[in-house]
Amino acid sequence: MTYHQAQKRVRNRRLLGAGIALLACVVFIISLLKGLYFHFEGVQILTGLDEIAKKTVYWIYSETQFLALFWRLVPAPSMHAPSSFSTVVLLGSYAFIFLGAAIFKSGSALAQRLKKIQEEIEDEIMRQSVSGNVSRSRIEIEQSIEVRPPSVLSQFHALYIAPVVVGIILAIFGYVIGI
């Protein structure tokens, strides 16, 4: 891909990654809050906190009416039925947070590479102007450059290791408090 195509790809990957991560984060948080609101009763360690948690979730719900569509459509997960649709939505949104972050990071890595290429182009133009031999313009140099894009799947840590580690920590925490 050319230098200009790479610049477009940077913008598209950053926007796409941020959009996916933001939407997945909203769905994940609302799903957790709804699960907290509807399925918090009966946890023996946290018996006195259920009313406080419900009031807090209701306050968040009443203050975020601009997210009414999400509040209406996102299901409340049930920890007692881990294979239910609502729990799959929660886990899917969790995975999409990391996927969006990986796409965004891929765009940022490409932007860093383009920044280095831009510096090299400027150095080349300076060398040409100092020697008095201007053979190619900036546009010609940019068009002659081939940029190899970084792969989204090269973000192994962000896509595979981090979600598993966080999931294990959350499972241990849930086991400790009795959820």
Foldseek 3Di string as FASTA:
>chain_A
DFLVVLVVLLVVLQVQLVVQLVVLVVLLVLLALLLLQPPVPPQVLCNPCSVVSNVVSVVVCVVPCVCVVSNVPQHHDDPVDCPDPNNVSNVVSLLSNLLSVLSNVQSVVSVVVSVVVVVVLVVVCVVCVVVVHCDDDSVVVRRPDDDDGDDSVVPVCSNPVVSVVVVVVVVVVCVVSPD
